[in-house]
C-alpha atoms as a PDB file:
ATOM      1  CA  MET A   1     -68.394 -51.965  27.717  1.00  0.00           C
ATOM      2  CA  ARG A   2     -67.150 -54.120  24.853  1.00  0.00           C
ATOM      3  CA  VAL A   3     -65.163 -57.300  25.462  1.00  0.00           C
ATOM      4  CA  ALA A   4     -63.729 -60.078  23.308  1.00  0.00           C
ATOM      5  CA  MET A   5     -65.355 -63.182  24.830  1.00  0.00           C
ATOM      6  CA  TYR A   6     -63.368 -66.372  24.306  1.00  0.00           C
ATOM      7  CA  TYR A   7     -65.220 -69.643  23.608  1.00  0.00           C
ATOM      8  CA  SER A   8     -62.483 -71.346  21.592  1.00  0.00           C
ATOM      9  CA  ASN A   9     -59.601 -70.348  19.354  1.00  0.00           C
ATOM     10  CA  SER A  10     -62.019 -70.197  16.429  1.00  0.00           C
ATOM     11  CA  ASP A  11     -64.871 -68.588  18.367  1.00  0.00           C
ATOM     12  CA  VAL A  12     -64.003 -65.208  19.909  1.00  0.00           C
ATOM     13  CA  ARG A  13     -67.036 -62.916  20.016  1.00  0.00           C
ATOM     14  CA  LEU A  14     -67.410 -59.179  20.490  1.00  0.00           C
ATOM     15  CA  GLU A  15     -69.886 -58.889  23.357  1.00  0.00           C
ATOM     16  CA  GLU A  16     -71.138 -56.365  25.885  1.00  0.00           C
ATOM     17  CA  MET A  17     -70.789 -56.641  29.646  1.00  0.00           C
ATOM     18  CA  PRO A  18     -71.129 -54.160  32.513  1.00  0.00           C
ATOM     19  CA  GLU A  19     -68.159 -51.934  33.226  1.00  0.00           C
ATOM     20  CA  PRO A  20     -66.438 -53.217  36.403  1.00  0.00           C
ATOM     21  CA  GLN A  21     -67.298 -51.420  39.623  1.00  0.00           C
ATOM     22  CA  ILE A  22     -64.332 -50.781  41.886  1.00  0.00           C
ATOM     23  CA  GLY A  23     -64.165 -50.844  45.666  1.00  0.00           C
ATOM     24  CA  PRO A  24     -61.799 -49.448  48.301  1.00  0.00           C
ATOM     25  CA  GLY A  25     -58.146 -49.780  47.360  1.00  0.00           C
ATOM     26  CA  GLU A  26     -58.961 -50.742  43.784  1.00  0.00           C
ATOM     27  CA  ILE A  27     -58.305 -49.155  40.378  1.00  0.00           C
ATOM     28  CA  LEU A  28     -60.262 -49.114  37.126  1.00  0.00           C
ATOM     29  CA  MET A  29     -57.874 -49.319  34.169  1.00  0.00           C
ATOM     30  CA  LYS A  30     -58.770 -48.148  30.684  1.00  0.00           C
ATOM     31  CA  VAL A  31     -56.975 -50.708  28.536  1.00  0.00           C
ATOM     32  CA  HIS A  32     -55.053 -49.331  25.545  1.00  0.00           C
ATOM     33  CA  ALA A  33     -52.908 -52.335  24.578  1.00  0.00           C
ATOM     34  CA  SER A  34     -53.204 -56.037  25.362  1.00  0.00           C
ATOM     35  CA  GLY A  35     -50.953 -58.652  23.762  1.00  0.00           C
ATOM     36  CA  ILE A  36     -52.140 -62.113  22.790  1.00  0.00           C
ATOM     37  CA  CYS A  37     -49.970 -64.684  24.593  1.00  0.00           C
ATOM     38  CA  GLY A  38     -49.253 -68.199  23.387  1.00  0.00           C
ATOM     39  CA  SER A  39     -50.946 -69.465  26.539  1.00  0.00           C
ATOM     40  CA  ASP A  40     -54.147 -67.681  25.467  1.00  0.00           C
ATOM     41  CA  VAL A  41     -54.521 -70.138  22.590  1.00  0.00           C
ATOM     42  CA  MET A  42     -53.992 -73.321  24.644  1.00  0.00           C
ATOM     43  CA  GLU A  43     -57.532 -74.656  24.222  1.00  0.00           C
ATOM     44  CA  TRP A  44     -56.984 -77.702  26.442  1.00  0.00           C
ATOM     45  CA  TYR A  45     -56.108 -75.352  29.291  1.00  0.00           C
ATOM     46  CA  ARG A  46     -59.106 -73.052  28.746  1.00  0.00           C
ATOM     47  CA  ARG A  47     -61.975 -75.260  27.582  1.00  0.00           C
ATOM     48  CA  ASP A  48     -63.330 -76.143  31.028  1.00  0.00           C
ATOM     49  CA  ARG A  49     -63.721 -72.453  31.977  1.00  0.00           C
ATOM     50  CA  VAL A  50     -65.214 -70.839  28.893  1.00  0.00           C
ATOM     51  CA  PRO A  51     -66.685 -68.396  28.146  1.00  0.00           C
ATOM     52  CA  LEU A  52     -64.174 -65.948  29.574  1.00  0.00           C
ATOM     53  CA  VAL A  53     -62.298 -62.754  28.750  1.00  0.00           C
ATOM     54  CA  LEU A  54     -58.594 -63.455  28.324  1.00  0.00           C
ATOM     55  CA  GLY A  55     -55.668 -61.050  28.075  1.00  0.00           C
ATOM     56  CA  HIS A  56     -52.969 -60.490  30.703  1.00  0.00           C
ATOM     57  CA  GLU A  57     -50.283 -58.475  28.873  1.00  0.00           C
ATOM     58  CA  VAL A  58     -51.896 -55.110  29.541  1.00  0.00           C
ATOM     59  CA  ALA A  59     -51.044 -51.426  29.480  1.00  0.00           C
ATOM     60  CA  GLY A  60     -53.438 -48.529  29.949  1.00  0.00           C
ATOM     61  CA  GLU A  61     -54.388 -45.511  31.983  1.00  0.00           C
ATOM     62  CA  ILE A  62     -56.125 -45.114  35.306  1.00  0.00           C
ATOM     63  CA  ALA A  63     -59.772 -44.184  34.807  1.00  0.00           C
ATOM     64  CA  GLN A  64     -60.920 -44.359  38.448  1.00  0.00           C
ATOM     65  CA  VAL A  65     -59.312 -44.879  41.860  1.00  0.00           C
ATOM     66  CA  GLY A  66     -61.064 -46.368  44.847  1.00  0.00           C
ATOM     67  CA  GLU A  67     -61.196 -44.975  48.353  1.00  0.00           C
ATOM     68  CA  GLY A  68     -57.839 -45.246  50.082  1.00  0.00           C
ATOM     69  CA  VAL A  69     -55.695 -45.376  46.937  1.00  0.00           C
ATOM     70  CA  ALA A  70     -52.943 -42.865  47.652  1.00  0.00           C
ATOM     71  CA  ASP A  71     -50.109 -43.923  45.339  1.00  0.00           C
ATOM     72  CA  PHE A  72     -51.904 -43.555  41.996  1.00  0.00           C
ATOM     73  CA  THR A  73     -54.067 -40.870  40.412  1.00  0.00           C
ATOM     74  CA  ILE A  74     -56.527 -40.694  37.548  1.00  0.00           C
ATOM     75  CA  GLY A  75     -54.808 -40.308  34.181  1.00  0.00           C
ATOM     76  CA  GLU A  76     -51.545 -42.032  35.103  1.00  0.00           C
ATOM     77  CA  ARG A  77     -50.309 -44.581  32.583  1.00  0.00           C
ATOM     78  CA  VAL A  78     -49.657 -48.016  34.072  1.00  0.00           C
ATOM     79  CA  VAL A  79     -48.998 -51.681  33.438  1.00  0.00           C
ATOM     80  CA  ALA A  80     -50.422 -54.262  35.805  1.00  0.00           C
ATOM     81  CA  ALA A  81     -49.692 -57.856  36.750  1.00  0.00           C
ATOM     82  CA  HIS A  82     -52.644 -60.232  36.633  1.00  0.00           C
ATOM     83  CA  HIS A  83     -51.085 -62.549  39.257  1.00  0.00           C
ATOM     84  CA  VAL A  84     -49.252 -61.228  42.326  1.00  0.00           C
ATOM     85  CA  PRO A  85     -47.500 -63.038  45.212  1.00  0.00           C
ATOM     86  CA  CYS A  86     -48.004 -62.495  48.927  1.00  0.00           C
ATOM     87  CA  GLY A  87     -44.322 -61.759  49.529  1.00  0.00           C
ATOM     88  CA  GLU A  88     -44.393 -63.507  52.889  1.00  0.00           C
ATOM     89  CA  CYS A  89     -44.850 -67.274  52.473  1.00  0.00           C
ATOM     90  CA  ARG A  90     -42.113 -69.928  52.403  1.00  0.00           C
ATOM     91  CA  TYR A  91     -42.018 -69.819  48.590  1.00  0.00           C
ATOM     92  CA  CYS A  92     -41.643 -66.043  48.422  1.00  0.00           C
ATOM     93  CA  ALA A  93     -39.006 -66.125  51.161  1.00  0.00           C
ATOM     94  CA  ALA A  94     -37.025 -68.636  49.074  1.00  0.00           C
ATOM     95  CA  GLY A  95     -37.264 -66.442  45.951  1.00  0.00           C
ATOM     96  CA  HIS A  96     -39.922 -68.603  44.276  1.00  0.00           C
ATOM     97  CA  HIS A  97     -42.617 -65.928  44.177  1.00  0.00           C
ATOM     98  CA  THR A  98     -44.354 -67.426  41.158  1.00  0.00           C
ATOM     99  CA  VAL A  99     -45.296 -70.672  42.906  1.00  0.00           C
ATOM    100  CA  CYS A 100     -46.879 -68.732  45.796  1.00  0.00           C
ATOM    101  CA  ASP A 101     -50.451 -69.821  46.565  1.00  0.00           C
ATOM    102  CA  THR A 102     -51.576 -66.186  46.548  1.00  0.00           C
ATOM    103  CA  LEU A 103     -50.137 -65.632  43.082  1.00  0.00           C
ATOM    104  CA  ARG A 104     -52.070 -68.629  41.809  1.00  0.00           C
ATOM    105  CA  SER A 105     -55.349 -67.295  43.181  1.00  0.00           C
ATOM    106  CA  THR A 106     -55.103 -63.608  42.202  1.00  0.00           C
ATOM    107  CA  HIS A 107     -56.249 -62.014  38.943  1.00  0.00           C
ATOM    108  CA  PHE A 108     -57.774 -58.856  37.543  1.00  0.00           C
ATOM    109  CA  HIS A 109     -61.307 -58.669  36.143  1.00  0.00           C
ATOM    110  CA  PRO A 110     -62.466 -59.437  33.518  1.00  0.00           C
ATOM    111  CA  GLY A 111     -59.299 -59.607  31.381  1.00  0.00           C
ATOM    112  CA  GLY A 112     -57.206 -57.511  29.047  1.00  0.00           C
ATOM    113  CA  PHE A 113     -59.355 -57.979  25.952  1.00  0.00           C
ATOM    114  CA  ALA A 114     -61.875 -55.496  27.306  1.00  0.00           C
ATOM    115  CA  GLU A 115     -62.241 -51.738  27.287  1.00  0.00           C
ATOM    116  CA  TYR A 116     -61.838 -51.566  31.080  1.00  0.00           C
ATOM    117  CA  LEU A 117     -60.645 -53.872  33.838  1.00  0.00           C
ATOM    118  CA  ARG A 118     -60.687 -53.798  37.623  1.00  0.00           C
ATOM    119  CA  LEU A 119     -57.452 -54.130  39.576  1.00  0.00           C
ATOM    120  CA  PRO A 120     -58.065 -55.581  43.046  1.00  0.00           C
ATOM    121  CA  ARG A 121     -56.332 -54.016  46.036  1.00  0.00           C
ATOM    122  CA  ILE A 122     -53.526 -56.617  46.152  1.00  0.00           C
ATOM    123  CA  ASN A 123     -52.793 -56.069  42.442  1.00  0.00           C
ATOM    124  CA  VAL A 124     -52.693 -52.326  43.014  1.00  0.00           C
ATOM    125  CA  GLU A 125     -50.326 -52.690  45.965  1.00  0.00           C
ATOM    126  CA  ARG A 126     -48.025 -55.382  44.580  1.00  0.00           C
ATOM    127  CA  GLY A 127     -48.373 -55.406  40.828  1.00  0.00           C
ATOM    128  CA  THR A 128     -49.092 -51.993  39.295  1.00  0.00           C
ATOM    129  CA  PHE A 129     -46.268 -49.972  37.737  1.00  0.00           C
ATOM    130  CA  ARG A 130     -46.126 -46.530  36.127  1.00  0.00           C
ATOM    131  CA  ILE A 131     -45.122 -46.387  32.480  1.00  0.00           C
ATOM    132  CA  PRO A 132     -42.000 -44.199  32.249  1.00  0.00           C
ATOM    133  CA  GLY A 133     -41.769 -41.122  30.075  1.00  0.00           C
ATOM    134  CA  SER A 134     -43.097 -41.316  26.535  1.00  0.00           C
ATOM    135  CA  LEU A 135     -42.977 -45.127  26.272  1.00  0.00           C
ATOM    136  CA  SER A 136     -45.940 -46.261  24.167  1.00  0.00           C
ATOM    137  CA  PHE A 137     -48.724 -48.425  25.557  1.00  0.00           C
ATOM    138  CA  GLU A 138     -47.957 -51.160  23.035  1.00  0.00           C
ATOM    139  CA  GLU A 139     -44.278 -51.333  24.033  1.00  0.00           C
ATOM    140  CA  ALA A 140     -45.224 -51.256  27.712  1.00  0.00           C
ATOM    141  CA  SER A 141     -47.534 -54.236  27.166  1.00  0.00           C
ATOM    142  CA  PHE A 142     -44.387 -56.337  26.671  1.00  0.00           C
ATOM    143  CA  THR A 143     -43.627 -55.949  30.377  1.00  0.00           C
ATOM    144  CA  GLU A 144     -45.361 -59.194  31.371  1.00  0.00           C
ATOM    145  CA  PRO A 145     -43.837 -61.507  28.735  1.00  0.00           C
ATOM    146  CA  LEU A 146     -40.398 -59.960  29.149  1.00  0.00           C
ATOM    147  CA  ALA A 147     -40.640 -60.326  32.939  1.00  0.00           C
ATOM    148  CA  CYS A 148     -41.237 -64.051  32.461  1.00  0.00           C
ATOM    149  CA  VAL A 149     -38.135 -64.360  30.272  1.00  0.00           C
ATOM    150  CA  LEU A 150     -35.988 -62.243  32.600  1.00  0.00           C
ATOM    151  CA  ARG A 151     -36.980 -64.432  35.532  1.00  0.00           C
ATOM    152  CA  SER A 152     -36.052 -67.618  33.698  1.00  0.00           C
ATOM    153  CA  HIS A 153     -32.604 -66.289  32.765  1.00  0.00           C
ATOM    154  CA  ARG A 154     -32.025 -65.284  36.370  1.00  0.00           C
ATOM    155  CA  LEU A 155     -33.167 -68.653  37.716  1.00  0.00           C
ATOM    156  CA  ILE A 156     -30.793 -70.566  35.467  1.00  0.00           C
ATOM    157  CA  ASN A 157     -28.040 -68.014  36.103  1.00  0.00           C
ATOM    158  CA  LEU A 158     -27.435 -67.494  32.404  1.00  0.00           C
ATOM    159  CA  LYS A 159     -23.773 -66.667  32.038  1.00  0.00           C
ATOM    160  CA  LYS A 160     -22.221 -64.205  29.644  1.00  0.00           C
ATOM    161  CA  GLY A 161     -20.913 -65.892  26.520  1.00  0.00           C
ATOM    162  CA  SER A 162     -22.889 -69.136  26.914  1.00  0.00           C
ATOM    163  CA  ASP A 163     -23.963 -71.101  23.860  1.00  0.00           C
ATOM    164  CA  VAL A 164     -27.771 -71.071  23.823  1.00  0.00           C
ATOM    165  CA  LEU A 165     -30.232 -73.066  21.731  1.00  0.00           C
ATOM    166  CA  VAL A 166     -33.819 -71.786  21.589  1.00  0.00           C
ATOM    167  CA  LEU A 167     -36.351 -74.230  20.189  1.00  0.00           C
ATOM    168  CA  GLY A 168     -39.435 -72.388  18.959  1.00  0.00           C
ATOM    169  CA  SER A 169     -39.181 -68.832  17.636  1.00  0.00           C
ATOM    170  CA  GLY A 170     -42.586 -67.412  18.455  1.00  0.00           C
ATOM    171  CA  ILE A 171     -42.707 -64.321  20.631  1.00  0.00           C
ATOM    172  CA  SER A 172     -41.354 -66.041  23.760  1.00  0.00           C
ATOM    173  CA  GLY A 173     -38.513 -67.560  21.757  1.00  0.00           C
ATOM    174  CA  ILE A 174     -37.735 -64.210  20.132  1.00  0.00           C
ATOM    175  CA  LEU A 175     -37.600 -62.541  23.553  1.00  0.00           C
ATOM    176  CA  HIS A 176     -35.237 -65.267  24.835  1.00  0.00           C
ATOM    177  CA  ILE A 177     -33.017 -64.833  21.777  1.00  0.00           C
ATOM    178  CA  HIS A 178     -32.979 -61.041  21.995  1.00  0.00           C
ATOM    179  CA  LEU A 179     -32.305 -60.989  25.730  1.00  0.00           C
ATOM    180  CA  ALA A 180     -29.596 -63.679  25.645  1.00  0.00           C
ATOM    181  CA  TYR A 181     -27.783 -61.998  22.761  1.00  0.00           C
ATOM    182  CA  HIS A 182     -28.064 -58.321  23.692  1.00  0.00           C
ATOM    183  CA  LEU A 183     -27.891 -58.482  27.476  1.00  0.00           C
ATOM    184  CA  SER A 184     -25.753 -61.573  28.121  1.00  0.00           C
ATOM    185  CA  GLY A 185     -23.580 -61.661  25.028  1.00  0.00           C
ATOM    186  CA  CYS A 186     -24.521 -65.258  24.304  1.00  0.00           C
ATOM    187  CA  ARG A 187     -24.077 -67.104  21.056  1.00  0.00           C
ATOM    188  CA  VAL A 188     -27.622 -68.095  20.132  1.00  0.00           C
ATOM    189  CA  PHE A 189     -29.018 -70.701  17.766  1.00  0.00           C
ATOM    190  CA  ALA A 190     -32.729 -71.149  17.097  1.00  0.00           C
ATOM    191  CA  THR A 191     -35.245 -73.423  15.441  1.00  0.00           C
ATOM    192  CA  ASP A 192     -38.800 -73.152  14.151  1.00  0.00           C
ATOM    193  CA  VAL A 193     -41.030 -74.614  11.459  1.00  0.00           C
ATOM    194  CA  SER A 194     -41.916 -71.196  10.010  1.00  0.00           C
ATOM    195  CA  GLU A 195     -39.576 -69.523   7.530  1.00  0.00           C
ATOM    196  CA  TYR A 196     -40.963 -66.152   8.600  1.00  0.00           C
ATOM    197  CA  ARG A 197     -40.091 -66.782  12.239  1.00  0.00           C
ATOM    198  CA  LEU A 198     -36.672 -68.176  11.374  1.00  0.00           C
ATOM    199  CA  LYS A 199     -35.858 -64.859   9.690  1.00  0.00           C
ATOM    200  CA  ALA A 200     -37.172 -63.011  12.750  1.00  0.00           C
ATOM    201  CA  ALA A 201     -34.957 -65.118  15.015  1.00  0.00           C
ATOM    202  CA  GLU A 202     -31.861 -64.033  13.096  1.00  0.00           C
ATOM    203  CA  LYS A 203     -33.048 -60.420  13.014  1.00  0.00           C
ATOM    204  CA  PHE A 204     -33.272 -60.357  16.813  1.00  0.00           C
ATOM    205  CA  GLY A 205     -29.965 -62.016  17.582  1.00  0.00           C
ATOM    206  CA  ALA A 206     -29.727 -65.664  16.540  1.00  0.00           C
ATOM    207  CA  GLU A 207     -26.443 -66.472  14.815  1.00  0.00           C
ATOM    208  CA  LYS A 208     -28.200 -69.210  12.881  1.00  0.00           C
ATOM    209  CA  ALA A 209     -31.873 -70.200  12.706  1.00  0.00           C
ATOM    210  CA  ILE A 210     -32.572 -73.729  11.500  1.00  0.00           C
ATOM    211  CA  ASP A 211     -35.757 -75.297  10.162  1.00  0.00           C
ATOM    212  CA  ALA A 212     -36.891 -77.698  12.879  1.00  0.00           C
ATOM    213  CA  LYS A 213     -37.431 -80.422  10.274  1.00  0.00           C
ATOM    214  CA  ASP A 214     -33.744 -80.233   9.365  1.00  0.00           C
ATOM    215  CA  TYR A 215     -32.352 -79.708  12.853  1.00  0.00           C
ATOM    216  CA  SER A 216     -30.237 -82.305  14.657  1.00  0.00           C
ATOM    217  CA  PRO A 217     -27.697 -82.208  17.488  1.00  0.00           C
ATOM    218  CA  GLU A 218     -25.060 -83.087  14.887  1.00  0.00           C
ATOM    219  CA  LYS A 219     -25.957 -79.961  12.900  1.00  0.00           C
ATOM    220  CA  LEU A 220     -25.574 -77.892  16.063  1.00  0.00           C
ATOM    221  CA  ARG A 221     -22.110 -79.384  16.612  1.00  0.00           C
ATOM    222  CA  GLU A 222     -21.162 -78.442  13.055  1.00  0.00           C
ATOM    223  CA  LEU A 223     -22.235 -74.854  13.625  1.00  0.00           C
ATOM    224  CA  ASN A 224     -20.832 -74.542  17.136  1.00  0.00           C
ATOM    225  CA  GLY A 225     -17.277 -75.796  16.927  1.00  0.00           C
ATOM    226  CA  GLY A 226     -18.106 -79.387  17.856  1.00  0.00           C
ATOM    227  CA  CYS A 227     -20.092 -78.463  20.975  1.00  0.00           C
ATOM    228  CA  LEU A 228     -23.720 -78.763  21.960  1.00  0.00           C
ATOM    229  CA  ALA A 229     -25.552 -76.003  23.845  1.00  0.00           C
ATOM    230  CA  ASP A 230     -24.751 -74.885  27.375  1.00  0.00           C
ATOM    231  CA  VAL A 231     -28.390 -73.848  27.714  1.00  0.00           C
ATOM    232  CA  VAL A 232     -31.378 -75.228  25.825  1.00  0.00           C
ATOM    233  CA  VAL A 233     -34.607 -73.228  26.054  1.00  0.00           C
ATOM    234  CA  LEU A 234     -37.802 -75.026  25.098  1.00  0.00           C
ATOM    235  CA  CYS A 235     -40.283 -72.440  23.853  1.00  0.00           C
ATOM    236  CA  THR A 236     -42.488 -75.089  22.322  1.00  0.00           C
ATOM    237  CA  GLY A 237     -44.141 -78.098  23.863  1.00  0.00           C
ATOM    238  CA  ALA A 238     -43.988 -80.241  20.721  1.00  0.00           C
ATOM    239  CA  PRO A 239     -42.764 -83.753  21.647  1.00  0.00           C
ATOM    240  CA  SER A 240     -40.242 -83.742  18.789  1.00  0.00           C
ATOM    241  CA  ALA A 241     -38.774 -80.444  20.015  1.00  0.00           C
ATOM    242  CA  ILE A 242     -38.528 -81.706  23.578  1.00  0.00           C
ATOM    243  CA  GLU A 243     -36.547 -84.716  22.409  1.00  0.00           C
ATOM    244  CA  GLN A 244     -34.340 -82.526  20.216  1.00  0.00           C
ATOM    245  CA  GLY A 245     -33.666 -80.256  23.149  1.00  0.00           C
ATOM    246  CA  LEU A 246     -32.776 -83.041  25.547  1.00  0.00           C
ATOM    247  CA  ARG A 247     -30.323 -84.452  23.004  1.00  0.00           C
ATOM    248  CA  SER A 248     -28.774 -81.031  22.352  1.00  0.00           C
ATOM    249  CA  VAL A 249     -27.533 -80.051  25.802  1.00  0.00           C
ATOM    250  CA  GLU A 250     -23.825 -80.155  26.564  1.00  0.00           C
ATOM    251  CA  ARG A 251     -22.439 -81.959  29.607  1.00  0.00           C
ATOM    252  CA  GLY A 252     -22.946 -79.755  32.643  1.00  0.00           C
ATOM    253  CA  GLY A 253     -25.593 -77.788  30.781  1.00  0.00           C
ATOM    254  CA  THR A 254     -29.184 -76.800  31.496  1.00  0.00           C
ATOM    255  CA  VAL A 255     -32.497 -77.494  29.786  1.00  0.00           C
ATOM    256  CA  LEU A 256     -35.130 -74.874  30.550  1.00  0.00           C
ATOM    257  CA  PHE A 257     -38.757 -75.908  30.067  1.00  0.00           C
ATOM    258  CA  PHE A 258     -40.330 -72.522  29.356  1.00  0.00           C
ATOM    259  CA  ALA A 259     -43.416 -73.440  27.330  1.00  0.00           C
ATOM    260  CA  ALA A 260     -46.204 -75.736  28.431  1.00  0.00           C
ATOM    261  CA  ALA A 261     -46.499 -79.055  26.658  1.00  0.00           C
ATOM    262  CA  GLY A 262     -49.824 -80.659  25.799  1.00  0.00           C
ATOM    263  CA  ARG A 263     -52.138 -81.863  28.551  1.00  0.00           C
ATOM    264  CA  ASP A 264     -50.359 -85.217  28.712  1.00  0.00           C
ATOM    265  CA  GLY A 265     -46.866 -84.070  27.750  1.00  0.00           C
ATOM    266  CA  LYS A 266     -44.016 -86.280  29.012  1.00  0.00           C
ATOM    267  CA  ILE A 267     -40.218 -86.273  28.928  1.00  0.00           C
ATOM    268  CA  PRO A 268     -39.488 -88.786  26.158  1.00  0.00           C
ATOM    269  CA  LEU A 269     -35.987 -90.014  27.071  1.00  0.00           C
ATOM    270  CA  GLY A 270     -34.627 -92.277  29.783  1.00  0.00           C
ATOM    271  CA  ILE A 271     -32.597 -90.936  32.674  1.00  0.00           C
ATOM    272  CA  ASN A 272     -29.506 -93.018  31.972  1.00  0.00           C
ATOM    273  CA  GLU A 273     -29.584 -92.238  28.262  1.00  0.00           C
ATOM    274  CA  ILE A 274     -29.182 -88.487  28.705  1.00  0.00           C
ATOM    275  CA  PHE A 275     -28.524 -87.504  32.298  1.00  0.00           C
ATOM    276  CA  TRP A 276     -26.473 -90.064  34.152  1.00  0.00           C
ATOM    277  CA  ARG A 277     -22.811 -88.997  34.235  1.00  0.00           C
ATOM    278  CA  SER A 278     -23.640 -85.783  32.330  1.00  0.00           C
ATOM    279  CA  GLU A 279     -24.554 -83.462  35.217  1.00  0.00           C
ATOM    280  CA  VAL A 280     -27.365 -81.977  33.142  1.00  0.00           C
ATOM    281  CA  THR A 281     -29.927 -79.809  34.927  1.00  0.00           C
ATOM    282  CA  LEU A 282     -33.594 -79.855  33.965  1.00  0.00           C
ATOM    283  CA  THR A 283     -35.559 -76.899  35.256  1.00  0.00           C
ATOM    284  CA  SER A 284     -38.636 -74.806  34.589  1.00  0.00           C
ATOM    285  CA  SER A 285     -39.765 -71.235  35.019  1.00  0.00           C
ATOM    286  CA  TYR A 286     -43.234 -69.784  35.351  1.00  0.00           C
ATOM    287  CA  ALA A 287     -44.485 -66.191  35.210  1.00  0.00           C
ATOM    288  CA  GLY A 288     -42.699 -63.206  36.763  1.00  0.00           C
ATOM    289  CA  SER A 289     -42.383 -61.604  40.185  1.00  0.00           C
ATOM    290  CA  PRO A 290     -43.030 -57.903  40.911  1.00  0.00           C
ATOM    291  CA  GLN A 291     -39.292 -57.249  40.703  1.00  0.00           C
ATOM    292  CA  ASP A 292     -39.153 -58.985  37.327  1.00  0.00           C
ATOM    293  CA  TYR A 293     -41.942 -56.673  36.112  1.00  0.00           C
ATOM    294  CA  GLN A 294     -40.075 -53.614  37.328  1.00  0.00           C
ATOM    295  CA  ASP A 295     -36.822 -54.748  35.718  1.00  0.00           C
ATOM    296  CA  ALA A 296     -38.549 -55.584  32.435  1.00  0.00           C
ATOM    297  CA  LEU A 297     -40.316 -52.231  32.254  1.00  0.00           C
ATOM    298  CA  GLU A 298     -37.043 -50.394  32.891  1.00  0.00           C
ATOM    299  CA  LEU A 299     -35.229 -52.340  30.168  1.00  0.00           C
ATOM    300  CA  ILE A 300     -37.925 -51.482  27.649  1.00  0.00           C
ATOM    301  CA  ALA A 301     -38.092 -47.831  28.693  1.00  0.00           C
ATOM    302  CA  GLU A 302     -34.304 -47.471  28.482  1.00  0.00           C
ATOM    303  CA  GLY A 303     -34.349 -48.773  24.913  1.00  0.00           C
ATOM    304  CA  ARG A 304     -31.984 -51.625  25.721  1.00  0.00           C
ATOM    305  CA  LEU A 305     -34.276 -54.082  23.966  1.00  0.00           C
ATOM    306  CA  ASN A 306     -36.142 -53.557  20.703  1.00  0.00           C
ATOM    307  CA  VAL A 307     -39.655 -54.840  21.395  1.00  0.00           C
ATOM    308  CA  LYS A 308     -41.417 -52.399  19.081  1.00  0.00           C
ATOM    309  CA  ASP A 309     -40.181 -54.184  15.965  1.00  0.00           C
ATOM    310  CA  MET A 310     -41.529 -57.479  17.295  1.00  0.00           C
ATOM    311  CA  ILE A 311     -45.085 -56.223  16.813  1.00  0.00           C
ATOM    312  CA  THR A 312     -46.452 -57.562  13.552  1.00  0.00           C
ATOM    313  CA  HIS A 313     -50.157 -56.845  13.997  1.00  0.00           C
ATOM    314  CA  ARG A 314     -52.227 -54.187  15.783  1.00  0.00           C
ATOM    315  CA  LEU A 315     -55.942 -54.957  15.780  1.00  0.00           C
ATOM    316  CA  PRO A 316     -59.054 -53.320  17.220  1.00  0.00           C
ATOM    317  CA  LEU A 317     -61.134 -55.221  19.760  1.00  0.00           C
ATOM    318  CA  ALA A 318     -63.697 -56.164  17.104  1.00  0.00           C
ATOM    319  CA  GLN A 319     -60.970 -58.089  15.248  1.00  0.00           C
ATOM    320  CA  ALA A 320     -59.798 -60.145  18.229  1.00  0.00           C
ATOM    321  CA  GLN A 321     -60.898 -63.308  16.412  1.00  0.00           C
ATOM    322  CA  GLU A 322     -58.446 -62.505  13.626  1.00  0.00           C
ATOM    323  CA  GLY A 323     -55.751 -61.998  16.247  1.00  0.00           C
ATOM    324  CA  PHE A 324     -56.388 -65.431  17.723  1.00  0.00           C
ATOM    325  CA  ARG A 325     -56.287 -66.936  14.229  1.00  0.00           C
ATOM    326  CA  LEU A 326     -52.898 -65.375  13.580  1.00  0.00           C
ATOM    327  CA  VAL A 327     -51.424 -66.604  16.861  1.00  0.00           C
ATOM    328  CA  THR A 328     -52.946 -70.081  16.533  1.00  0.00           C
ATOM    329  CA  GLN A 329     -51.644 -70.592  12.998  1.00  0.00           C
ATOM    330  CA  ALA A 330     -48.165 -69.395  14.062  1.00  0.00           C
ATOM    331  CA  GLY A 331     -47.324 -68.296  10.539  1.00  0.00           C
ATOM    332  CA  GLU A 332     -46.382 -64.761   9.596  1.00  0.00           C
ATOM    333  CA  SER A 333     -46.848 -63.152  12.982  1.00  0.00           C
ATOM    334  CA  ILE A 334     -44.687 -62.552  16.026  1.00  0.00           C
ATOM    335  CA  LYS A 335     -46.618 -60.328  18.455  1.00  0.00           C
ATOM    336  CA  VAL A 336     -50.270 -59.481  17.967  1.00  0.00           C
ATOM    337  CA  ILE A 337     -51.557 -56.531  19.986  1.00  0.00           C
ATOM    338  CA  ILE A 338     -55.253 -55.901  20.605  1.00  0.00           C
ATOM    339  CA  GLU A 339     -56.187 -52.221  21.080  1.00  0.00           C
ATOM    340  CA  PRO A 340     -59.481 -52.240  23.021  1.00  0.00           C
ATOM    341  CA  GLN A 341     -60.150 -48.524  22.591  1.00  0.00           C
ATOM    342  CA  ASN A 342     -60.244 -48.910  18.779  1.00  0.00           C
END
């Protein structure tokens, strides 16, 4: 089968590898849509493990089922989680499924930028979901990224009508904006360095999108009736954005670290300067639980969120390198979908 083998952001090769062989309890998925995630282009995070096949935002159909698989049949359309929790450990019991040791050790093989992938038994049992009705594969592939955003909003208990600042308007930022505005009725402001993405931020729910070079907490106060943000969402790991975010949170507010920073990223401000006497909460969110996946898929299928219009590029597997270029340059693209069957 064909795969897009990742060596670096500028070196993604169309190669051949054997089609995965499945065992008892496993499923072979024929991949129809696989989104490129911002984490896929974090070279510092990948370089020690290359070459490898990336891609975890997948949707497809079941091509084979292993012995003992009773809940799924050949031909069913599904999305699948690449990481799944055990559901039983102290972390899962406390609602922190995404820091479960099992979740951190599970994956499907070889990755979503391939014609086929193997879903291990635990992924079949805990992380495979039927695509409802006539929902397209490409829309269903948003299940994973949306699940991550849903989880973060739940963890911070995002309240209806909050003032939200989203720094970074790539696909994760756009999903935060769209979800906060349409589902929670929040007043949302956004930043980015790309004019294209600033326009997208306003299209999907931001009241005002500001060039990051021109942004300041004072500008936010001007736009927001003298107040800073109740919730600041960092969808970029740029040091300048982190500092902007920490200076833009209102007393009693929350700063959500959603995106990874660089390998040596640090919080740039002193505790007393920002946090003492302000009751500000700093928190993070990682990945999504099975319930988050289910909730995300239902929201998309019900048409409550418009993910289809977030897709800017659909590329065949042979053009995966172009897809990585688009995401790396972060210019005129929002969501790039690879279609491995084309």
